[in-house]
């Protein structure tokens, strides 16, 4: 990643606000990880190695494709005006950082498929999203996001807070969370469910956070290692001049 771009994007003020929020409330997202001694996700259960994360639309009333090694989802809890900038930043990062699944050459079992639920009226997502069109495309997708489906899923997962959610599971969540699904939310193995709420991540850090999610998903110890501490260590490595602020607020120990 270009260091000058990072330095331009990450302001001292936003980082300090982020640190203050962390001190006030603890972790800024729900993080459900396997309990000690339990099997951990697709990696432990079937020994699949995730080589790449690729994006795909989850169309209205549609279901996920079968056979991927990991299933991830970008969900929004509401269409509030206050959270719109964060949603647009997340969609922009989604389009920019992940290639379309149709172009992936890897075997399905080695792909983390990253879905975004959208209405049928949204049309097809671009296979390649040019930088010059990212803002326009993000706005169009946000307007055609399937809020009803996302809210139903989050409610069934007992996620009540507003925010931008990244959710990962070892199989298709529609089988548990859609109306009329063959299973119920209670049958989800919570030891293999990772939920992150980016509500307290500053808007100009959302892309960096999602980039780190992409990087961490290829790790065999993903279920154990994707924590706030590791994200902050990677930010510190990428942007050395903010190290003193990270240390001052006690985020790295």
C-alpha atoms as a PDB file:
ATOM      1  CA  UNK A   1       0.000   0.000   0.000  1.00  0.00           C
ATOM      2  CA  UNK A   2       1.262   3.510  -0.838  1.00  0.00           C
ATOM      3  CA  UNK A   3       2.558   5.145   2.345  1.00  0.00           C
ATOM      4  CA  UNK A   4       1.851   8.697   1.165  1.00  0.00           C
ATOM      5  CA  UNK A   5      -1.756   7.733   0.503  1.00  0.00           C
ATOM      6  CA  UNK A   6      -2.071   6.372   4.018  1.00  0.00           C
ATOM      7  CA  UNK A   7      -0.504   9.430   5.580  1.00  0.00           C
ATOM      8  CA  UNK A   8      -2.914  11.644   3.670  1.00  0.00           C
ATOM      9  CA  UNK A   9      -5.926   9.596   4.674  1.00  0.00           C
ATOM     10  CA  UNK A  10      -5.278   8.918   8.328  1.00  0.00           C
ATOM     11  CA  UNK A  11      -5.428  12.140  10.269  1.00  0.00           C
ATOM     12  CA  UNK A  12      -4.066  12.558  13.760  1.00  0.00           C
ATOM     13  CA  UNK A  13      -7.468  13.729  14.961  1.00  0.00           C
ATOM     14  CA  UNK A  14      -9.370  10.704  13.665  1.00  0.00           C
ATOM     15  CA  UNK A  15      -6.837   8.305  15.084  1.00  0.00           C
ATOM     16  CA  UNK A  16      -6.991   9.941  18.499  1.00  0.00           C
ATOM     17  CA  UNK A  17     -10.783   9.825  18.426  1.00  0.00           C
ATOM     18  CA  UNK A  18     -10.546   6.147  17.560  1.00  0.00           C
ATOM     19  CA  UNK A  19      -8.207   5.533  20.483  1.00  0.00           C
ATOM     20  CA  UNK A  20     -10.447   7.414  22.905  1.00  0.00           C
ATOM     21  CA  UNK A  21     -13.444   5.374  21.791  1.00  0.00           C
ATOM     22  CA  UNK A  22     -11.543   2.151  22.350  1.00  0.00           C
ATOM     23  CA  UNK A  23     -10.567   3.176  25.847  1.00  0.00           C
ATOM     24  CA  UNK A  24     -14.140   4.150  26.633  1.00  0.00           C
ATOM     25  CA  UNK A  25     -15.935   1.064  25.380  1.00  0.00           C
ATOM     26  CA  UNK A  26     -13.349  -1.638  24.776  1.00  0.00           C
ATOM     27  CA  UNK A  27     -13.361  -3.510  21.476  1.00  0.00           C
ATOM     28  CA  UNK A  28     -15.218  -1.569  18.756  1.00  0.00           C
ATOM     29  CA  UNK A  29     -16.873  -4.638  17.311  1.00  0.00           C
ATOM     30  CA  UNK A  30     -18.511  -7.878  18.301  1.00  0.00           C
ATOM     31  CA  UNK A  31     -15.838 -10.531  17.992  1.00  0.00           C
ATOM     32  CA  UNK A  32     -17.124 -14.074  18.371  1.00  0.00           C
ATOM     33  CA  UNK A  33     -14.228 -16.510  18.270  1.00  0.00           C
ATOM     34  CA  UNK A  34     -14.010 -20.229  19.006  1.00  0.00           C
ATOM     35  CA  UNK A  35     -13.674 -21.164  22.638  1.00  0.00           C
ATOM     36  CA  UNK A  36     -10.358 -22.678  23.662  1.00  0.00           C
ATOM     37  CA  UNK A  37     -10.144 -26.323  22.674  1.00  0.00           C
ATOM     38  CA  UNK A  38     -12.945 -26.193  20.100  1.00  0.00           C
ATOM     39  CA  UNK A  39     -12.526 -26.806  16.400  1.00  0.00           C
ATOM     40  CA  UNK A  40     -12.044 -23.611  14.474  1.00  0.00           C
ATOM     41  CA  UNK A  41     -13.828 -22.983  11.190  1.00  0.00           C
ATOM     42  CA  UNK A  42     -13.260 -24.485   7.781  1.00  0.00           C
ATOM     43  CA  UNK A  43      -9.490 -24.481   8.250  1.00  0.00           C
ATOM     44  CA  UNK A  44      -9.586 -26.834  11.252  1.00  0.00           C
ATOM     45  CA  UNK A  45     -12.544 -28.882  10.112  1.00  0.00           C
ATOM     46  CA  UNK A  46     -11.624 -29.514   6.492  1.00  0.00           C
ATOM     47  CA  UNK A  47      -8.054 -28.175   6.309  1.00  0.00           C
ATOM     48  CA  UNK A  48      -8.891 -25.710   3.551  1.00  0.00           C
ATOM     49  CA  UNK A  49      -6.379 -22.982   2.929  1.00  0.00           C
ATOM     50  CA  UNK A  50      -7.910 -19.672   1.877  1.00  0.00           C
ATOM     51  CA  UNK A  51      -5.823 -18.232  -0.926  1.00  0.00           C
ATOM     52  CA  UNK A  52      -7.932 -15.266  -1.968  1.00  0.00           C
ATOM     53  CA  UNK A  53     -11.064 -13.299  -1.089  1.00  0.00           C
ATOM     54  CA  UNK A  54     -13.380 -12.563  -4.006  1.00  0.00           C
ATOM     55  CA  UNK A  55     -16.600 -10.565  -4.084  1.00  0.00           C
ATOM     56  CA  UNK A  56     -20.019 -11.444  -5.421  1.00  0.00           C
ATOM     57  CA  UNK A  57     -23.544  -9.981  -5.200  1.00  0.00           C
ATOM     58  CA  UNK A  58     -26.164 -11.791  -3.153  1.00  0.00           C
ATOM     59  CA  UNK A  59     -29.242 -10.955  -5.160  1.00  0.00           C
ATOM     60  CA  UNK A  60     -32.697 -10.393  -3.714  1.00  0.00           C
ATOM     61  CA  UNK A  61     -34.260 -13.787  -2.894  1.00  0.00           C
ATOM     62  CA  UNK A  62     -31.119 -15.461  -4.200  1.00  0.00           C
ATOM     63  CA  UNK A  63     -28.801 -17.838  -2.369  1.00  0.00           C
ATOM     64  CA  UNK A  64     -25.057 -18.298  -2.177  1.00  0.00           C
ATOM     65  CA  UNK A  65     -23.074 -20.580  -4.457  1.00  0.00           C
ATOM     66  CA  UNK A  66     -22.079 -23.874  -2.838  1.00  0.00           C
ATOM     67  CA  UNK A  67     -18.592 -25.138  -2.073  1.00  0.00           C
ATOM     68  CA  UNK A  68     -16.517 -22.150  -0.977  1.00  0.00           C
ATOM     69  CA  UNK A  69     -13.997 -22.483   1.823  1.00  0.00           C
ATOM     70  CA  UNK A  70     -15.308 -19.482   3.745  1.00  0.00           C
ATOM     71  CA  UNK A  71     -18.352 -17.219   3.414  1.00  0.00           C
ATOM     72  CA  UNK A  72     -18.158 -13.537   4.319  1.00  0.00           C
ATOM     73  CA  UNK A  73     -20.774 -10.791   4.133  1.00  0.00           C
ATOM     74  CA  UNK A  74     -20.875  -7.002   4.156  1.00  0.00           C
ATOM     75  CA  UNK A  75     -24.050  -5.970   5.972  1.00  0.00           C
ATOM     76  CA  UNK A  76     -25.508  -2.605   7.017  1.00  0.00           C
ATOM     77  CA  UNK A  77     -27.780  -2.393  10.030  1.00  0.00           C
ATOM     78  CA  UNK A  78     -29.741   0.638   8.785  1.00  0.00           C
ATOM     79  CA  UNK A  79     -29.828   3.321   6.118  1.00  0.00           C
ATOM     80  CA  UNK A  80     -29.408   6.151   8.619  1.00  0.00           C
ATOM     81  CA  UNK A  81     -28.122   9.455   7.290  1.00  0.00           C
ATOM     82  CA  UNK A  82     -25.479   9.575  10.009  1.00  0.00           C
ATOM     83  CA  UNK A  83     -23.934   6.296   8.852  1.00  0.00           C
ATOM     84  CA  UNK A  84     -24.087   6.886   5.107  1.00  0.00           C
ATOM     85  CA  UNK A  85     -20.481   8.026   4.709  1.00  0.00           C
ATOM     86  CA  UNK A  86     -19.261   4.922   6.501  1.00  0.00           C
ATOM     87  CA  UNK A  87     -21.414   2.701   4.280  1.00  0.00           C
ATOM     88  CA  UNK A  88     -20.102   4.377   1.143  1.00  0.00           C
ATOM     89  CA  UNK A  89     -16.499   3.992   2.355  1.00  0.00           C
ATOM     90  CA  UNK A  90     -17.097   0.304   3.017  1.00  0.00           C
ATOM     91  CA  UNK A  91     -18.656  -0.302  -0.421  1.00  0.00           C
ATOM     92  CA  UNK A  92     -15.864   1.651  -2.085  1.00  0.00           C
ATOM     93  CA  UNK A  93     -13.294  -0.546  -0.344  1.00  0.00           C
ATOM     94  CA  UNK A  94     -15.298  -3.647  -1.249  1.00  0.00           C
ATOM     95  CA  UNK A  95     -15.169  -2.762  -4.945  1.00  0.00           C
ATOM     96  CA  UNK A  96     -11.568  -1.573  -4.905  1.00  0.00           C
ATOM     97  CA  UNK A  97      -9.877  -4.271  -2.839  1.00  0.00           C
ATOM     98  CA  UNK A  98     -11.615  -7.441  -4.046  1.00  0.00           C
ATOM     99  CA  UNK A  99     -11.819  -8.961  -7.494  1.00  0.00           C
ATOM    100  CA  UNK A 100     -15.013 -10.457  -8.873  1.00  0.00           C
ATOM    101  CA  UNK A 101     -15.468 -14.140  -8.060  1.00  0.00           C
ATOM    102  CA  UNK A 102     -16.106 -14.947 -11.710  1.00  0.00           C
ATOM    103  CA  UNK A 103     -12.509 -13.998 -12.488  1.00  0.00           C
ATOM    104  CA  UNK A 104     -10.939 -16.059  -9.688  1.00  0.00           C
ATOM    105  CA  UNK A 105      -8.796 -18.963 -10.876  1.00  0.00           C
ATOM    106  CA  UNK A 106      -8.601 -20.666  -7.494  1.00  0.00           C
ATOM    107  CA  UNK A 107     -10.606 -23.705  -6.477  1.00  0.00           C
ATOM    108  CA  UNK A 108     -13.779 -22.778  -4.619  1.00  0.00           C
ATOM    109  CA  UNK A 109     -12.622 -24.459  -1.437  1.00  0.00           C
ATOM    110  CA  UNK A 110      -9.671 -22.047  -1.380  1.00  0.00           C
ATOM    111  CA  UNK A 111     -11.781 -18.891  -1.802  1.00  0.00           C
ATOM    112  CA  UNK A 112     -13.329 -16.679   0.847  1.00  0.00           C
ATOM    113  CA  UNK A 113     -16.433 -15.543  -1.014  1.00  0.00           C
ATOM    114  CA  UNK A 114     -17.433 -12.045   0.090  1.00  0.00           C
ATOM    115  CA  UNK A 115     -21.102 -11.280  -0.523  1.00  0.00           C
ATOM    116  CA  UNK A 116     -23.039  -8.025  -0.447  1.00  0.00           C
ATOM    117  CA  UNK A 117     -26.864  -8.325  -0.517  1.00  0.00           C
ATOM    118  CA  UNK A 118     -28.392  -6.107  -3.178  1.00  0.00           C
ATOM    119  CA  UNK A 119     -31.772  -5.665  -4.829  1.00  0.00           C
ATOM    120  CA  UNK A 120     -32.302  -7.098  -8.281  1.00  0.00           C
ATOM    121  CA  UNK A 121     -32.705  -3.537  -9.561  1.00  0.00           C
ATOM    122  CA  UNK A 122     -29.004  -2.908  -8.873  1.00  0.00           C
ATOM    123  CA  UNK A 123     -27.948  -4.906 -11.895  1.00  0.00           C
ATOM    124  CA  UNK A 124     -24.620  -6.679 -12.210  1.00  0.00           C
ATOM    125  CA  UNK A 125     -21.618  -5.511 -10.241  1.00  0.00           C
ATOM    126  CA  UNK A 126     -18.593  -4.575 -12.366  1.00  0.00           C
ATOM    127  CA  UNK A 127     -15.924  -7.249 -12.695  1.00  0.00           C
ATOM    128  CA  UNK A 128     -13.338  -4.477 -12.490  1.00  0.00           C
ATOM    129  CA  UNK A 129     -14.166  -1.174 -10.791  1.00  0.00           C
ATOM    130  CA  UNK A 130     -12.039   1.709 -12.161  1.00  0.00           C
ATOM    131  CA  UNK A 131     -10.867   4.162  -9.502  1.00  0.00           C
ATOM    132  CA  UNK A 132     -12.550   7.056 -11.305  1.00  0.00           C
ATOM    133  CA  UNK A 133     -15.946   5.352 -10.974  1.00  0.00           C
ATOM    134  CA  UNK A 134     -15.701   4.062  -7.413  1.00  0.00           C
ATOM    135  CA  UNK A 135     -17.661   6.882  -5.783  1.00  0.00           C
ATOM    136  CA  UNK A 136     -20.495   6.678  -8.328  1.00  0.00           C
ATOM    137  CA  UNK A 137     -20.661   2.882  -8.139  1.00  0.00           C
ATOM    138  CA  UNK A 138     -20.616   2.938  -4.330  1.00  0.00           C
ATOM    139  CA  UNK A 139     -23.514   5.389  -4.285  1.00  0.00           C
ATOM    140  CA  UNK A 140     -25.548   3.264  -6.712  1.00  0.00           C
ATOM    141  CA  UNK A 141     -24.949   0.090  -4.714  1.00  0.00           C
ATOM    142  CA  UNK A 142     -25.795   1.810  -1.415  1.00  0.00           C
ATOM    143  CA  UNK A 143     -29.110   2.963  -2.883  1.00  0.00           C
ATOM    144  CA  UNK A 144     -29.877  -0.597  -4.032  1.00  0.00           C
ATOM    145  CA  UNK A 145     -28.567  -2.416  -0.962  1.00  0.00           C
ATOM    146  CA  UNK A 146     -30.992  -5.028   0.399  1.00  0.00           C
ATOM    147  CA  UNK A 147     -31.527  -3.412   3.812  1.00  0.00           C
ATOM    148  CA  UNK A 148     -34.520  -5.586   4.654  1.00  0.00           C
ATOM    149  CA  UNK A 149     -32.552  -8.797   4.267  1.00  0.00           C
ATOM    150  CA  UNK A 150     -29.505  -7.470   6.099  1.00  0.00           C
ATOM    151  CA  UNK A 151     -31.610  -6.245   9.012  1.00  0.00           C
ATOM    152  CA  UNK A 152     -33.408  -9.591   9.241  1.00  0.00           C
ATOM    153  CA  UNK A 153     -30.101 -11.433   9.386  1.00  0.00           C
ATOM    154  CA  UNK A 154     -28.580  -9.110  11.984  1.00  0.00           C
ATOM    155  CA  UNK A 155     -31.684  -9.309  14.161  1.00  0.00           C
ATOM    156  CA  UNK A 156     -31.581 -13.105  14.076  1.00  0.00           C
ATOM    157  CA  UNK A 157     -27.916 -12.948  15.070  1.00  0.00           C
ATOM    158  CA  UNK A 158     -28.911 -10.628  17.925  1.00  0.00           C
ATOM    159  CA  UNK A 159     -26.832  -7.765  16.539  1.00  0.00           C
ATOM    160  CA  UNK A 160     -28.797  -4.730  17.677  1.00  0.00           C
ATOM    161  CA  UNK A 161     -26.299  -1.908  17.174  1.00  0.00           C
ATOM    162  CA  UNK A 162     -26.203   0.247  14.079  1.00  0.00           C
ATOM    163  CA  UNK A 163     -23.100  -0.028  11.967  1.00  0.00           C
ATOM    164  CA  UNK A 164     -21.176  -1.657   9.136  1.00  0.00           C
ATOM    165  CA  UNK A 165     -20.793  -5.381   9.789  1.00  0.00           C
ATOM    166  CA  UNK A 166     -18.294  -7.888   8.424  1.00  0.00           C
ATOM    167  CA  UNK A 167     -19.464 -11.438   9.102  1.00  0.00           C
ATOM    168  CA  UNK A 168     -17.648 -14.680   8.279  1.00  0.00           C
ATOM    169  CA  UNK A 169     -18.873 -18.256   8.609  1.00  0.00           C
ATOM    170  CA  UNK A 170     -17.781 -21.635   7.234  1.00  0.00           C
ATOM    171  CA  UNK A 171     -21.017 -22.216   5.291  1.00  0.00           C
ATOM    172  CA  UNK A 172     -23.870 -20.307   3.668  1.00  0.00           C
ATOM    173  CA  UNK A 173     -25.722 -18.104   6.163  1.00  0.00           C
ATOM    174  CA  UNK A 174     -28.892 -17.892   4.073  1.00  0.00           C
ATOM    175  CA  UNK A 175     -29.588 -21.496   5.069  1.00  0.00           C
ATOM    176  CA  UNK A 176     -30.010 -20.298   8.651  1.00  0.00           C
ATOM    177  CA  UNK A 177     -31.171 -16.695   8.420  1.00  0.00           C
ATOM    178  CA  UNK A 178     -33.536 -16.276   5.461  1.00  0.00           C
ATOM    179  CA  UNK A 179     -37.284 -16.546   5.933  1.00  0.00           C
ATOM    180  CA  UNK A 180     -38.292 -20.140   5.323  1.00  0.00           C
ATOM    181  CA  UNK A 181     -34.697 -21.372   5.616  1.00  0.00           C
ATOM    182  CA  UNK A 182     -34.133 -25.046   6.237  1.00  0.00           C
ATOM    183  CA  UNK A 183     -32.376 -24.331   9.533  1.00  0.00           C
ATOM    184  CA  UNK A 184     -32.726 -21.723  12.273  1.00  0.00           C
ATOM    185  CA  UNK A 185     -30.316 -19.148  13.647  1.00  0.00           C
ATOM    186  CA  UNK A 186     -30.071 -21.214  16.823  1.00  0.00           C
ATOM    187  CA  UNK A 187     -28.392 -23.971  14.807  1.00  0.00           C
ATOM    188  CA  UNK A 188     -25.485 -21.750  13.761  1.00  0.00           C
ATOM    189  CA  UNK A 189     -22.258 -22.925  15.337  1.00  0.00           C
ATOM    190  CA  UNK A 190     -21.288 -19.738  17.169  1.00  0.00           C
ATOM    191  CA  UNK A 191     -17.755 -21.072  17.653  1.00  0.00           C
ATOM    192  CA  UNK A 192     -17.268 -20.649  13.892  1.00  0.00           C
ATOM    193  CA  UNK A 193     -18.951 -17.264  13.497  1.00  0.00           C
ATOM    194  CA  UNK A 194     -16.853 -14.098  13.286  1.00  0.00           C
ATOM    195  CA  UNK A 195     -18.755 -10.808  13.531  1.00  0.00           C
ATOM    196  CA  UNK A 196     -17.137  -7.385  13.369  1.00  0.00           C
ATOM    197  CA  UNK A 197     -19.023  -4.115  13.775  1.00  0.00           C
ATOM    198  CA  UNK A 198     -17.035  -1.203  12.399  1.00  0.00           C
ATOM    199  CA  UNK A 199     -19.291   1.382  14.056  1.00  0.00           C
ATOM    200  CA  UNK A 200     -16.429   2.869  16.067  1.00  0.00           C
ATOM    201  CA  UNK A 201     -13.800   2.712  13.348  1.00  0.00           C
ATOM    202  CA  UNK A 202     -13.216   6.234  11.964  1.00  0.00           C
ATOM    203  CA  UNK A 203     -14.575   6.586   8.463  1.00  0.00           C
ATOM    204  CA  UNK A 204     -11.142   7.300   6.980  1.00  0.00           C
ATOM    205  CA  UNK A 205      -9.826   4.038   8.482  1.00  0.00           C
ATOM    206  CA  UNK A 206     -12.574   1.770   7.136  1.00  0.00           C
ATOM    207  CA  UNK A 207     -10.735   0.952   3.918  1.00  0.00           C
ATOM    208  CA  UNK A 208      -7.578   0.103   5.836  1.00  0.00           C
ATOM    209  CA  UNK A 209      -9.558  -2.122   8.204  1.00  0.00           C
ATOM    210  CA  UNK A 210     -11.189  -4.001   5.313  1.00  0.00           C
ATOM    211  CA  UNK A 211      -7.784  -4.366   3.663  1.00  0.00           C
ATOM    212  CA  UNK A 212      -6.515  -5.969   6.861  1.00  0.00           C
ATOM    213  CA  UNK A 213      -9.551  -8.266   6.863  1.00  0.00           C
ATOM    214  CA  UNK A 214      -8.548  -9.360   3.346  1.00  0.00           C
ATOM    215  CA  UNK A 215      -4.967  -9.999   4.447  1.00  0.00           C
ATOM    216  CA  UNK A 216      -5.934 -11.869   7.608  1.00  0.00           C
ATOM    217  CA  UNK A 217      -8.453 -14.134   5.851  1.00  0.00           C
ATOM    218  CA  UNK A 218      -5.618 -15.978   4.097  1.00  0.00           C
ATOM    219  CA  UNK A 219      -4.033 -16.955   7.421  1.00  0.00           C
ATOM    220  CA  UNK A 220      -4.581 -20.475   8.719  1.00  0.00           C
ATOM    221  CA  UNK A 221      -5.026 -19.029  12.211  1.00  0.00           C
ATOM    222  CA  UNK A 222      -7.561 -16.447  10.999  1.00  0.00           C
ATOM    223  CA  UNK A 223     -10.142 -17.406  13.597  1.00  0.00           C
ATOM    224  CA  UNK A 224      -7.651 -16.850  16.410  1.00  0.00           C
ATOM    225  CA  UNK A 225      -5.628 -13.968  15.093  1.00  0.00           C
ATOM    226  CA  UNK A 226      -8.033 -11.393  13.635  1.00  0.00           C
ATOM    227  CA  UNK A 227      -8.118  -9.122  16.657  1.00  0.00           C
ATOM    228  CA  UNK A 228      -7.876  -5.432  17.291  1.00  0.00           C
ATOM    229  CA  UNK A 229      -4.312  -5.803  18.516  1.00  0.00           C
ATOM    230  CA  UNK A 230      -3.130  -7.306  15.222  1.00  0.00           C
ATOM    231  CA  UNK A 231      -4.926  -4.681  13.159  1.00  0.00           C
ATOM    232  CA  UNK A 232      -3.298  -1.905  15.138  1.00  0.00           C
ATOM    233  CA  UNK A 233       0.132  -3.508  14.808  1.00  0.00           C
ATOM    234  CA  UNK A 234      -0.280  -3.568  11.035  1.00  0.00           C
ATOM    235  CA  UNK A 235      -1.373   0.067  10.988  1.00  0.00           C
ATOM    236  CA  UNK A 236       1.676   0.958  13.058  1.00  0.00           C
ATOM    237  CA  UNK A 237       3.953  -0.879  10.622  1.00  0.00           C
ATOM    238  CA  UNK A 238       2.393   0.838   7.608  1.00  0.00           C
ATOM    239  CA  UNK A 239       2.369   4.312   9.132  1.00  0.00           C
ATOM    240  CA  UNK A 240       5.353   4.630  11.511  1.00  0.00           C
ATOM    241  CA  UNK A 241       4.731   8.277  12.409  1.00  0.00           C
ATOM    242  CA  UNK A 242       1.558   7.409  14.369  1.00  0.00           C
ATOM    243  CA  UNK A 243       3.352   4.923  16.614  1.00  0.00           C
ATOM    244  CA  UNK A 244       3.637   7.380  19.490  1.00  0.00           C
ATOM    245  CA  UNK A 245      -0.137   7.916  19.494  1.00  0.00           C
ATOM    246  CA  UNK A 246      -0.787   4.181  19.512  1.00  0.00           C
ATOM    247  CA  UNK A 247       1.581   3.682  22.440  1.00  0.00           C
ATOM    248  CA  UNK A 248       0.255   6.695  24.310  1.00  0.00           C
ATOM    249  CA  UNK A 249      -3.264   5.318  24.337  1.00  0.00           C
ATOM    250  CA  UNK A 250      -2.063   1.877  25.375  1.00  0.00           C
ATOM    251  CA  UNK A 251      -3.437  -0.035  22.405  1.00  0.00           C
ATOM    252  CA  UNK A 252      -0.420  -2.167  21.725  1.00  0.00           C
ATOM    253  CA  UNK A 253       1.082  -2.847  25.113  1.00  0.00           C
END
